[in-house]
Amino acid sequence: MLVISLILVLCSGLAHAVWNMLAKQSTDKAVFLWVIYMPATILLLPTLVHELAGASFSLGMWLLIGASLIMQSIYSLLLAYTYNAGDLSQVYPVMRGTPTLLIPAFGVFLFDETLALWGWIGLCFMLTGFVVMLGRSSGKGQRKGQQQASFKPMLLAMSVGLCITAYTLIDKANLQHLSPLALLEVTNIGFVLGLTPAVVRSNRLRHVIRTHLNRIWLGAILSPGSYLLFLFAARNANVSTVAPMREVGIVFGTLLGLFVLKESQGIRRITASVAVVAGIIMIASSGH
């Protein structure tokens, strides 16, 4: 069962990296993200309504569902702002790397899960890889104003990472009384609601659909699909094991940046990816 969970998480990481690359390439991030989430949100609504109609939840359970919805709304807004402020190779490692240390720690304390010493060493390898990926912009003559400006995308990316940490832990608890499909719909609704005001104000919906139609269909499959794969994996394995594994998407994101978006600093980022893969292998081994 663990092997199946790990395969699901690896596929989830790849799917996540691809749809984030599509979002970064779009001309209007908020509208593009809203559009790619709408098909799954509409299709899964009957599933959620049917499951909620036949359930008897306590107040605490409803509060957890509401918390998941709220965190997804905040996450979608911050994600759009972050991709407007920074490059994919700059912010993606921070967004996905921030939860890497936090989720296993919270998983141990909140869900009484365990992570072997070998797994914690693996986390250190992964975090080292993330730091190397971030690096610094080349050039000794970088102005102070430019250095200060670079803090904005970093802070936004860290905020996204904190949202990911929060909703991952909340959704792990929600899986005790909601199916993965129903929970996916809760997160989709939250994501869409967070971006709806920006979509209404921008008045660019038709333009984005015409410009990015092919990418929209691909993103519409990969964006909910990546998290659904993770939810199925988290249902049958410790969140402290599978959540860091999902961050292999950072490696995929780096490779997509180098070979698809033609970004620079390839040797440094590939070296960092090797460190991340080493950490992933250690975490997977500790799960046994």
C-alpha atoms as a PDB file:
ATOM      1  CA  MET A   1       0.000   0.000   0.000  1.00  0.00           C
ATOM      2  CA  LEU A   2       2.878   2.368   0.755  1.00  0.00           C
ATOM      3  CA  VAL A   3       4.371   1.795  -2.711  1.00  0.00           C
ATOM      4  CA  ILE A   4       1.045   2.669  -4.347  1.00  0.00           C
ATOM      5  CA  SER A   5       0.777   5.800  -2.199  1.00  0.00           C
ATOM      6  CA  LEU A   6       4.291   6.892  -3.187  1.00  0.00           C
ATOM      7  CA  ILE A   7       3.552   6.374  -6.896  1.00  0.00           C
ATOM      8  CA  LEU A   8       0.372   8.442  -6.542  1.00  0.00           C
ATOM      9  CA  VAL A   9       2.320  11.211  -4.810  1.00  0.00           C
ATOM     10  CA  LEU A  10       5.027  11.275  -7.509  1.00  0.00           C
ATOM     11  CA  CYS A  11       2.360  11.588 -10.211  1.00  0.00           C
ATOM     12  CA  SER A  12       0.713  14.303  -8.124  1.00  0.00           C
ATOM     13  CA  GLY A  13       3.973  16.258  -7.969  1.00  0.00           C
ATOM     14  CA  LEU A  14       4.479  16.059 -11.731  1.00  0.00           C
ATOM     15  CA  ALA A  15       0.911  17.145 -12.464  1.00  0.00           C
ATOM     16  CA  HIS A  16       1.232  20.032 -10.007  1.00  0.00           C
ATOM     17  CA  ALA A  17       4.460  21.290 -11.582  1.00  0.00           C
ATOM     18  CA  VAL A  18       2.962  21.223 -15.089  1.00  0.00           C
ATOM     19  CA  TRP A  19      -0.210  23.163 -14.270  1.00  0.00           C
ATOM     20  CA  ASN A  20       1.786  25.722 -12.291  1.00  0.00           C
ATOM     21  CA  MET A  21       4.010  26.217 -15.331  1.00  0.00           C
ATOM     22  CA  LEU A  22       0.886  26.781 -17.445  1.00  0.00           C
ATOM     23  CA  ALA A  23      -0.386  29.322 -14.913  1.00  0.00           C
ATOM     24  CA  LYS A  24       2.943  31.154 -14.961  1.00  0.00           C
ATOM     25  CA  GLN A  25       2.846  31.353 -18.778  1.00  0.00           C
ATOM     26  CA  SER A  26      -0.688  32.810 -18.813  1.00  0.00           C
ATOM     27  CA  THR A  27      -1.292  36.495 -19.451  1.00  0.00           C
ATOM     28  CA  ASP A  28      -3.734  36.915 -16.545  1.00  0.00           C
ATOM     29  CA  LYS A  29      -2.885  34.618 -13.639  1.00  0.00           C
ATOM     30  CA  ALA A  30      -6.020  35.083 -11.521  1.00  0.00           C
ATOM     31  CA  VAL A  31      -8.445  34.589 -14.428  1.00  0.00           C
ATOM     32  CA  PHE A  32      -6.514  31.607 -15.832  1.00  0.00           C
ATOM     33  CA  LEU A  33      -6.463  29.876 -12.439  1.00  0.00           C
ATOM     34  CA  TRP A  34     -10.198  30.533 -11.984  1.00  0.00           C
ATOM     35  CA  VAL A  35     -11.018  29.101 -15.415  1.00  0.00           C
ATOM     36  CA  ILE A  36      -9.015  25.881 -15.039  1.00  0.00           C
ATOM     37  CA  TYR A  37     -10.680  25.125 -11.703  1.00  0.00           C
ATOM     38  CA  MET A  38     -14.262  25.719 -12.865  1.00  0.00           C
ATOM     39  CA  PRO A  39     -14.850  22.468 -14.859  1.00  0.00           C
ATOM     40  CA  ALA A  40     -13.966  20.182 -11.947  1.00  0.00           C
ATOM     41  CA  THR A  41     -15.876  22.417  -9.533  1.00  0.00           C
ATOM     42  CA  ILE A  42     -19.053  22.084 -11.599  1.00  0.00           C
ATOM     43  CA  LEU A  43     -18.663  18.334 -12.226  1.00  0.00           C
ATOM     44  CA  LEU A  44     -18.019  17.420  -8.588  1.00  0.00           C
ATOM     45  CA  LEU A  45     -20.733  19.585  -7.032  1.00  0.00           C
ATOM     46  CA  PRO A  46     -23.409  16.812  -7.118  1.00  0.00           C
ATOM     47  CA  THR A  47     -20.981  14.446  -5.365  1.00  0.00           C
ATOM     48  CA  LEU A  48     -20.433  16.883  -2.512  1.00  0.00           C
ATOM     49  CA  VAL A  49     -24.139  17.722  -2.171  1.00  0.00           C
ATOM     50  CA  HIS A  50     -25.081  14.024  -2.109  1.00  0.00           C
ATOM     51  CA  GLU A  51     -22.457  13.195   0.513  1.00  0.00           C
ATOM     52  CA  LEU A  52     -23.301  16.143   2.749  1.00  0.00           C
ATOM     53  CA  ALA A  53     -27.042  15.417   2.501  1.00  0.00           C
ATOM     54  CA  GLY A  54     -26.560  11.915   3.865  1.00  0.00           C
ATOM     55  CA  ALA A  55     -24.103  12.839   6.624  1.00  0.00           C
ATOM     56  CA  SER A  56     -24.555  13.991  10.197  1.00  0.00           C
ATOM     57  CA  PHE A  57     -21.530  16.085  11.092  1.00  0.00           C
ATOM     58  CA  SER A  58     -20.692  17.618  14.432  1.00  0.00           C
ATOM     59  CA  LEU A  59     -19.958  21.336  14.742  1.00  0.00           C
ATOM     60  CA  GLY A  60     -16.247  20.575  14.839  1.00  0.00           C
ATOM     61  CA  MET A  61     -16.451  18.686  11.539  1.00  0.00           C
ATOM     62  CA  TRP A  62     -18.272  21.587   9.856  1.00  0.00           C
ATOM     63  CA  LEU A  63     -15.657  23.989  11.179  1.00  0.00           C
ATOM     64  CA  LEU A  64     -12.889  21.843   9.656  1.00  0.00           C
ATOM     65  CA  ILE A  65     -14.666  21.835   6.308  1.00  0.00           C
ATOM     66  CA  GLY A  66     -15.061  25.620   6.513  1.00  0.00           C
ATOM     67  CA  ALA A  67     -11.399  25.995   7.456  1.00  0.00           C
ATOM     68  CA  SER A  68     -10.349  24.000   4.393  1.00  0.00           C
ATOM     69  CA  LEU A  69     -12.513  26.209   2.165  1.00  0.00           C
ATOM     70  CA  ILE A  70     -11.112  29.422   3.665  1.00  0.00           C
ATOM     71  CA  MET A  71      -7.484  28.302   3.390  1.00  0.00           C
ATOM     72  CA  GLN A  72      -7.988  27.385  -0.255  1.00  0.00           C
ATOM     73  CA  SER A  73      -9.447  30.847  -0.947  1.00  0.00           C
ATOM     74  CA  ILE A  74      -6.428  32.527   0.616  1.00  0.00           C
ATOM     75  CA  TYR A  75      -4.103  30.125  -1.210  1.00  0.00           C
ATOM     76  CA  SER A  76      -5.592  30.912  -4.632  1.00  0.00           C
ATOM     77  CA  LEU A  77      -5.269  34.667  -4.114  1.00  0.00           C
ATOM     78  CA  LEU A  78      -1.680  34.439  -2.892  1.00  0.00           C
ATOM     79  CA  LEU A  79      -0.772  32.086  -5.737  1.00  0.00           C
ATOM     80  CA  ALA A  80      -1.942  34.586  -8.356  1.00  0.00           C
ATOM     81  CA  TYR A  81      -0.089  37.441  -6.645  1.00  0.00           C
ATOM     82  CA  THR A  82       3.072  35.355  -6.326  1.00  0.00           C
ATOM     83  CA  TYR A  83       3.225  34.415 -10.003  1.00  0.00           C
ATOM     84  CA  ASN A  84       2.729  38.072 -10.922  1.00  0.00           C
ATOM     85  CA  ALA A  85       5.627  39.066  -8.660  1.00  0.00           C
ATOM     86  CA  GLY A  86       8.307  36.439  -9.335  1.00  0.00           C
ATOM     87  CA  ASP A  87       9.686  33.840 -11.768  1.00  0.00           C
ATOM     88  CA  LEU A  88       8.624  30.194 -11.626  1.00  0.00           C
ATOM     89  CA  SER A  89      12.118  28.983 -10.745  1.00  0.00           C
ATOM     90  CA  GLN A  90      12.362  31.669  -8.051  1.00  0.00           C
ATOM     91  CA  VAL A  91       9.087  31.182  -6.172  1.00  0.00           C
ATOM     92  CA  TYR A  92       8.083  27.563  -6.848  1.00  0.00           C
ATOM     93  CA  PRO A  93      10.834  26.017  -4.684  1.00  0.00           C
ATOM     94  CA  VAL A  94       9.906  28.320  -1.792  1.00  0.00           C
ATOM     95  CA  MET A  95       6.169  27.654  -2.089  1.00  0.00           C
ATOM     96  CA  ARG A  96       6.590  23.910  -2.180  1.00  0.00           C
ATOM     97  CA  GLY A  97       9.622  23.774   0.112  1.00  0.00           C
ATOM     98  CA  THR A  98       8.147  25.653   3.069  1.00  0.00           C
ATOM     99  CA  PRO A  99       5.742  22.826   4.015  1.00  0.00           C
ATOM    100  CA  THR A 100       8.477  20.201   3.696  1.00  0.00           C
ATOM    101  CA  LEU A 101       9.735  20.726   7.218  1.00  0.00           C
ATOM    102  CA  LEU A 102       6.499  21.973   8.762  1.00  0.00           C
ATOM    103  CA  ILE A 103       4.108  19.189   7.697  1.00  0.00           C
ATOM    104  CA  PRO A 104       6.128  16.257   9.113  1.00  0.00           C
ATOM    105  CA  ALA A 105       6.571  18.138  12.389  1.00  0.00           C
ATOM    106  CA  PHE A 106       2.862  18.916  12.689  1.00  0.00           C
ATOM    107  CA  GLY A 107       1.984  15.415  11.501  1.00  0.00           C
ATOM    108  CA  VAL A 108       3.953  13.955  14.393  1.00  0.00           C
ATOM    109  CA  PHE A 109       2.374  16.238  16.984  1.00  0.00           C
ATOM    110  CA  LEU A 110      -1.220  16.414  15.702  1.00  0.00           C
ATOM    111  CA  PHE A 111      -1.785  12.926  14.276  1.00  0.00           C
ATOM    112  CA  ASP A 112       0.605  10.889  16.463  1.00  0.00           C
ATOM    113  CA  GLU A 113       2.544   9.867  13.371  1.00  0.00           C
ATOM    114  CA  THR A 114       6.199   8.911  13.395  1.00  0.00           C
ATOM    115  CA  LEU A 115       9.089   9.708  11.099  1.00  0.00           C
ATOM    116  CA  ALA A 116      12.308   7.762  11.529  1.00  0.00           C
ATOM    117  CA  LEU A 117      15.695   9.448  11.918  1.00  0.00           C
ATOM    118  CA  TRP A 118      16.515   8.445   8.348  1.00  0.00           C
ATOM    119  CA  GLY A 119      13.448  10.369   7.226  1.00  0.00           C
ATOM    120  CA  TRP A 120      14.505  13.523   9.089  1.00  0.00           C
ATOM    121  CA  ILE A 121      17.946  13.271   7.453  1.00  0.00           C
ATOM    122  CA  GLY A 122      16.138  13.042   4.119  1.00  0.00           C
ATOM    123  CA  LEU A 123      14.232  16.212   4.944  1.00  0.00           C
ATOM    124  CA  CYS A 124      17.550  17.963   5.573  1.00  0.00           C
ATOM    125  CA  PHE A 125      18.765  16.857   2.141  1.00  0.00           C
ATOM    126  CA  MET A 126      15.590  18.197   0.562  1.00  0.00           C
ATOM    127  CA  LEU A 127      15.828  21.527   2.353  1.00  0.00           C
ATOM    128  CA  THR A 128      19.477  21.847   1.307  1.00  0.00           C
ATOM    129  CA  GLY A 129      18.391  21.305  -2.277  1.00  0.00           C
ATOM    130  CA  PHE A 130      15.709  23.984  -1.936  1.00  0.00           C
ATOM    131  CA  VAL A 131      18.228  26.505  -0.606  1.00  0.00           C
ATOM    132  CA  VAL A 132      20.610  25.779  -3.488  1.00  0.00           C
ATOM    133  CA  MET A 133      17.763  26.177  -5.973  1.00  0.00           C
ATOM    134  CA  LEU A 134      16.950  29.601  -4.593  1.00  0.00           C
ATOM    135  CA  GLY A 135      20.524  30.864  -4.684  1.00  0.00           C
ATOM    136  CA  ARG A 136      21.129  34.475  -5.646  1.00  0.00           C
ATOM    137  CA  SER A 137      20.883  36.389  -8.862  1.00  0.00           C
ATOM    138  CA  SER A 138      24.246  36.628 -10.567  1.00  0.00           C
ATOM    139  CA  GLY A 139      25.992  39.933 -10.721  1.00  0.00           C
ATOM    140  CA  LYS A 140      27.925  41.794  -8.058  1.00  0.00           C
ATOM    141  CA  GLY A 141      26.513  45.106  -9.134  1.00  0.00           C
ATOM    142  CA  GLN A 142      22.966  44.321  -8.200  1.00  0.00           C
ATOM    143  CA  ARG A 143      21.438  47.467  -6.766  1.00  0.00           C
ATOM    144  CA  LYS A 144      20.049  47.656  -3.287  1.00  0.00           C
ATOM    145  CA  GLY A 145      16.587  48.513  -4.625  1.00  0.00           C
ATOM    146  CA  GLN A 146      16.604  45.372  -6.768  1.00  0.00           C
ATOM    147  CA  GLN A 147      17.615  43.256  -3.782  1.00  0.00           C
ATOM    148  CA  GLN A 148      14.810  44.720  -1.711  1.00  0.00           C
ATOM    149  CA  ALA A 149      12.337  44.135  -4.535  1.00  0.00           C
ATOM    150  CA  SER A 150      13.268  40.444  -4.556  1.00  0.00           C
ATOM    151  CA  PHE A 151      11.949  40.092  -0.988  1.00  0.00           C
ATOM    152  CA  LYS A 152       8.341  40.592  -2.149  1.00  0.00           C
ATOM    153  CA  PRO A 153       8.056  37.394  -4.236  1.00  0.00           C
ATOM    154  CA  MET A 154       9.947  35.490  -1.531  1.00  0.00           C
ATOM    155  CA  LEU A 155       7.556  36.636   1.202  1.00  0.00           C
ATOM    156  CA  LEU A 156       4.561  35.865  -0.988  1.00  0.00           C
ATOM    157  CA  ALA A 157       5.955  32.419  -1.782  1.00  0.00           C
ATOM    158  CA  MET A 158       6.507  31.701   1.911  1.00  0.00           C
ATOM    159  CA  SER A 159       2.914  32.765   2.611  1.00  0.00           C
ATOM    160  CA  VAL A 160       1.714  30.325  -0.046  1.00  0.00           C
ATOM    161  CA  GLY A 161       3.819  27.634   1.613  1.00  0.00           C
ATOM    162  CA  LEU A 162       2.193  28.329   4.975  1.00  0.00           C
ATOM    163  CA  CYS A 163      -1.247  28.023   3.338  1.00  0.00           C
ATOM    164  CA  ILE A 164      -0.228  24.693   1.817  1.00  0.00           C
ATOM    165  CA  THR A 165       0.907  23.501   5.249  1.00  0.00           C
ATOM    166  CA  ALA A 166      -2.370  24.562   6.847  1.00  0.00           C
ATOM    167  CA  TYR A 167      -4.757  23.087   4.281  1.00  0.00           C
ATOM    168  CA  THR A 168      -2.785  19.835   4.006  1.00  0.00           C
ATOM    169  CA  LEU A 169      -3.098  19.221   7.756  1.00  0.00           C
ATOM    170  CA  ILE A 170      -6.744  20.313   7.808  1.00  0.00           C
ATOM    171  CA  ASP A 171      -7.604  18.070   4.864  1.00  0.00           C
ATOM    172  CA  LYS A 172      -5.844  15.111   6.474  1.00  0.00           C
ATOM    173  CA  ALA A 173      -8.339  15.505   9.337  1.00  0.00           C
ATOM    174  CA  ASN A 174     -11.238  16.036   6.909  1.00  0.00           C
ATOM    175  CA  LEU A 175     -10.471  12.725   5.188  1.00  0.00           C
ATOM    176  CA  GLN A 176     -11.716  10.983   8.336  1.00  0.00           C
ATOM    177  CA  HIS A 177     -15.307  11.964   7.493  1.00  0.00           C
ATOM    178  CA  LEU A 178     -15.240  13.024   3.806  1.00  0.00           C
ATOM    179  CA  SER A 179     -14.349  11.038   0.695  1.00  0.00           C
ATOM    180  CA  PRO A 180     -11.437  12.316  -1.422  1.00  0.00           C
ATOM    181  CA  LEU A 181     -13.812  13.403  -4.200  1.00  0.00           C
ATOM    182  CA  ALA A 182     -16.083  15.340  -1.847  1.00  0.00           C
ATOM    183  CA  LEU A 183     -13.116  16.962  -0.135  1.00  0.00           C
ATOM    184  CA  LEU A 184     -11.622  17.871  -3.505  1.00  0.00           C
ATOM    185  CA  GLU A 185     -14.858  19.689  -4.303  1.00  0.00           C
ATOM    186  CA  VAL A 186     -14.648  21.613  -1.015  1.00  0.00           C
ATOM    187  CA  THR A 187     -11.132  22.761  -1.912  1.00  0.00           C
ATOM    188  CA  ASN A 188     -12.185  23.617  -5.472  1.00  0.00           C
ATOM    189  CA  ILE A 189     -15.048  25.798  -4.237  1.00  0.00           C
ATOM    190  CA  GLY A 190     -12.713  27.609  -1.867  1.00  0.00           C
ATOM    191  CA  PHE A 191     -10.130  28.134  -4.624  1.00  0.00           C
ATOM    192  CA  VAL A 192     -12.714  29.529  -7.059  1.00  0.00           C
ATOM    193  CA  LEU A 193     -14.365  31.784  -4.469  1.00  0.00           C
ATOM    194  CA  GLY A 194     -11.020  33.350  -3.601  1.00  0.00           C
ATOM    195  CA  LEU A 195     -10.415  34.380  -7.233  1.00  0.00           C
ATOM    196  CA  THR A 196     -13.971  35.315  -8.239  1.00  0.00           C
ATOM    197  CA  PRO A 197     -13.744  39.022  -7.205  1.00  0.00           C
ATOM    198  CA  ALA A 198     -10.567  39.451  -9.275  1.00  0.00           C
ATOM    199  CA  VAL A 199     -12.188  37.745 -12.282  1.00  0.00           C
ATOM    200  CA  VAL A 200     -15.276  39.984 -12.084  1.00  0.00           C
ATOM    201  CA  ARG A 201     -13.184  43.150 -11.799  1.00  0.00           C
ATOM    202  CA  SER A 202     -10.752  42.294 -14.594  1.00  0.00           C
ATOM    203  CA  ASN A 203     -13.420  41.730 -17.288  1.00  0.00           C
ATOM    204  CA  ARG A 204     -10.874  39.642 -19.207  1.00  0.00           C
ATOM    205  CA  LEU A 205     -12.551  36.226 -19.052  1.00  0.00           C
ATOM    206  CA  ARG A 206     -13.294  35.930 -22.777  1.00  0.00           C
ATOM    207  CA  HIS A 207      -9.830  37.122 -23.755  1.00  0.00           C
ATOM    208  CA  VAL A 208      -8.107  34.580 -21.495  1.00  0.00           C
ATOM    209  CA  ILE A 209     -10.292  31.721 -22.784  1.00  0.00           C
ATOM    210  CA  ARG A 210      -9.613  32.624 -26.433  1.00  0.00           C
ATOM    211  CA  THR A 211      -5.877  33.073 -25.853  1.00  0.00           C
ATOM    212  CA  HIS A 212      -5.212  29.994 -23.728  1.00  0.00           C
ATOM    213  CA  LEU A 213      -7.935  27.508 -24.725  1.00  0.00           C
ATOM    214  CA  ASN A 214      -5.625  24.488 -25.192  1.00  0.00           C
ATOM    215  CA  ARG A 215      -3.709  25.207 -21.987  1.00  0.00           C
ATOM    216  CA  ILE A 216      -6.963  25.687 -20.093  1.00  0.00           C
ATOM    217  CA  TRP A 217      -8.170  22.159 -20.878  1.00  0.00           C
ATOM    218  CA  LEU A 218      -4.850  20.660 -19.826  1.00  0.00           C
ATOM    219  CA  GLY A 219      -4.770  22.743 -16.665  1.00  0.00           C
ATOM    220  CA  ALA A 220      -8.401  21.848 -15.911  1.00  0.00           C
ATOM    221  CA  ILE A 221      -7.398  18.173 -15.780  1.00  0.00           C
ATOM    222  CA  LEU A 222      -4.064  18.514 -13.995  1.00  0.00           C
ATOM    223  CA  SER A 223      -4.957  21.107 -11.342  1.00  0.00           C
ATOM    224  CA  PRO A 224      -7.651  19.127  -9.486  1.00  0.00           C
ATOM    225  CA  GLY A 225      -6.117  15.824 -10.562  1.00  0.00           C
ATOM    226  CA  SER A 226      -2.828  16.537  -8.810  1.00  0.00           C
ATOM    227  CA  TYR A 227      -4.483  17.146  -5.436  1.00  0.00           C
ATOM    228  CA  LEU A 228      -6.921  14.247  -5.865  1.00  0.00           C
ATOM    229  CA  LEU A 229      -3.972  11.887  -6.320  1.00  0.00           C
ATOM    230  CA  PHE A 230      -2.444  13.278  -3.141  1.00  0.00           C
ATOM    231  CA  LEU A 231      -5.689  12.870  -1.177  1.00  0.00           C
ATOM    232  CA  PHE A 232      -5.929   9.204  -2.165  1.00  0.00           C
ATOM    233  CA  ALA A 233      -2.317   8.716  -1.115  1.00  0.00           C
ATOM    234  CA  ALA A 234      -2.783  10.564   2.198  1.00  0.00           C
ATOM    235  CA  ARG A 235      -5.807   8.424   3.008  1.00  0.00           C
ATOM    236  CA  ASN A 236      -3.672   5.280   3.138  1.00  0.00           C
ATOM    237  CA  ALA A 237      -0.324   6.575   4.421  1.00  0.00           C
ATOM    238  CA  ASN A 238       1.154   8.909   7.033  1.00  0.00           C
ATOM    239  CA  VAL A 239       0.951  12.549   6.014  1.00  0.00           C
ATOM    240  CA  SER A 240       4.490  13.030   7.406  1.00  0.00           C
ATOM    241  CA  THR A 241       5.718  10.575   4.754  1.00  0.00           C
ATOM    242  CA  VAL A 242       3.635  11.378   1.679  1.00  0.00           C
ATOM    243  CA  ALA A 243       3.433  15.182   2.003  1.00  0.00           C
ATOM    244  CA  PRO A 244       7.208  15.746   1.644  1.00  0.00           C
ATOM    245  CA  MET A 245       7.240  13.235  -1.225  1.00  0.00           C
ATOM    246  CA  ARG A 246       4.840  15.460  -3.154  1.00  0.00           C
ATOM    247  CA  GLU A 247       7.521  18.132  -3.196  1.00  0.00           C
ATOM    248  CA  VAL A 248       9.310  16.137  -5.889  1.00  0.00           C
ATOM    249  CA  GLY A 249       7.287  18.525  -8.039  1.00  0.00           C
ATOM    250  CA  ILE A 250      10.090  21.004  -7.336  1.00  0.00           C
ATOM    251  CA  VAL A 251      12.429  18.804  -9.357  1.00  0.00           C
ATOM    252  CA  PHE A 252       9.900  18.525 -12.159  1.00  0.00           C
ATOM    253  CA  GLY A 253       9.332  22.281 -12.006  1.00  0.00           C
ATOM    254  CA  THR A 254      13.070  22.912 -12.282  1.00  0.00           C
ATOM    255  CA  LEU A 255      13.380  20.669 -15.340  1.00  0.00           C
ATOM    256  CA  LEU A 256      10.343  22.287 -16.966  1.00  0.00           C
ATOM    257  CA  GLY A 257      11.866  25.697 -16.320  1.00  0.00           C
ATOM    258  CA  LEU A 258      15.173  24.686 -17.886  1.00  0.00           C
ATOM    259  CA  PHE A 259      13.933  22.806 -20.947  1.00  0.00           C
ATOM    260  CA  VAL A 260      10.521  24.361 -21.630  1.00  0.00           C
ATOM    261  CA  LEU A 261      10.820  27.939 -20.370  1.00  0.00           C
ATOM    262  CA  LYS A 262      14.554  28.088 -21.240  1.00  0.00           C
ATOM    263  CA  GLU A 263      15.590  29.474 -17.848  1.00  0.00           C
ATOM    264  CA  SER A 264      19.251  29.892 -16.895  1.00  0.00           C
ATOM    265  CA  GLN A 265      21.479  28.523 -14.084  1.00  0.00           C
ATOM    266  CA  GLY A 266      20.852  24.934 -15.168  1.00  0.00           C
ATOM    267  CA  ILE A 267      23.856  23.266 -13.495  1.00  0.00           C
ATOM    268  CA  ARG A 268      23.089  24.735 -10.064  1.00  0.00           C
ATOM    269  CA  ARG A 269      19.425  23.783 -10.235  1.00  0.00           C
ATOM    270  CA  ILE A 270      20.079  20.252 -11.503  1.00  0.00           C
ATOM    271  CA  THR A 271      22.561  19.766  -8.645  1.00  0.00           C
ATOM    272  CA  ALA A 272      19.907  20.918  -6.218  1.00  0.00           C
ATOM    273  CA  SER A 273      17.443  18.490  -7.783  1.00  0.00           C
ATOM    274  CA  VAL A 274      19.824  15.605  -7.097  1.00  0.00           C
ATOM    275  CA  ALA A 275      19.859  16.586  -3.409  1.00  0.00           C
ATOM    276  CA  VAL A 276      16.056  16.671  -3.384  1.00  0.00           C
ATOM    277  CA  VAL A 277      15.804  13.224  -4.994  1.00  0.00           C
ATOM    278  CA  ALA A 278      18.265  11.840  -2.423  1.00  0.00           C
ATOM    279  CA  GLY A 279      16.093  13.224   0.349  1.00  0.00           C
ATOM    280  CA  ILE A 280      12.976  11.728  -1.213  1.00  0.00           C
ATOM    281  CA  ILE A 281      14.584   8.279  -1.337  1.00  0.00           C
ATOM    282  CA  MET A 282      15.490   8.564   2.347  1.00  0.00           C
ATOM    283  CA  ILE A 283      11.954   9.588   3.306  1.00  0.00           C
ATOM    284  CA  ALA A 284      10.480   6.741   1.258  1.00  0.00           C
ATOM    285  CA  SER A 285      12.852   4.272   2.946  1.00  0.00           C
ATOM    286  CA  SER A 286      11.918   5.569   6.391  1.00  0.00           C
ATOM    287  CA  GLY A 287       8.269   4.862   5.617  1.00  0.00           C
ATOM    288  CA  HIS A 288       8.945   1.134   5.692  1.00  0.00           C
END
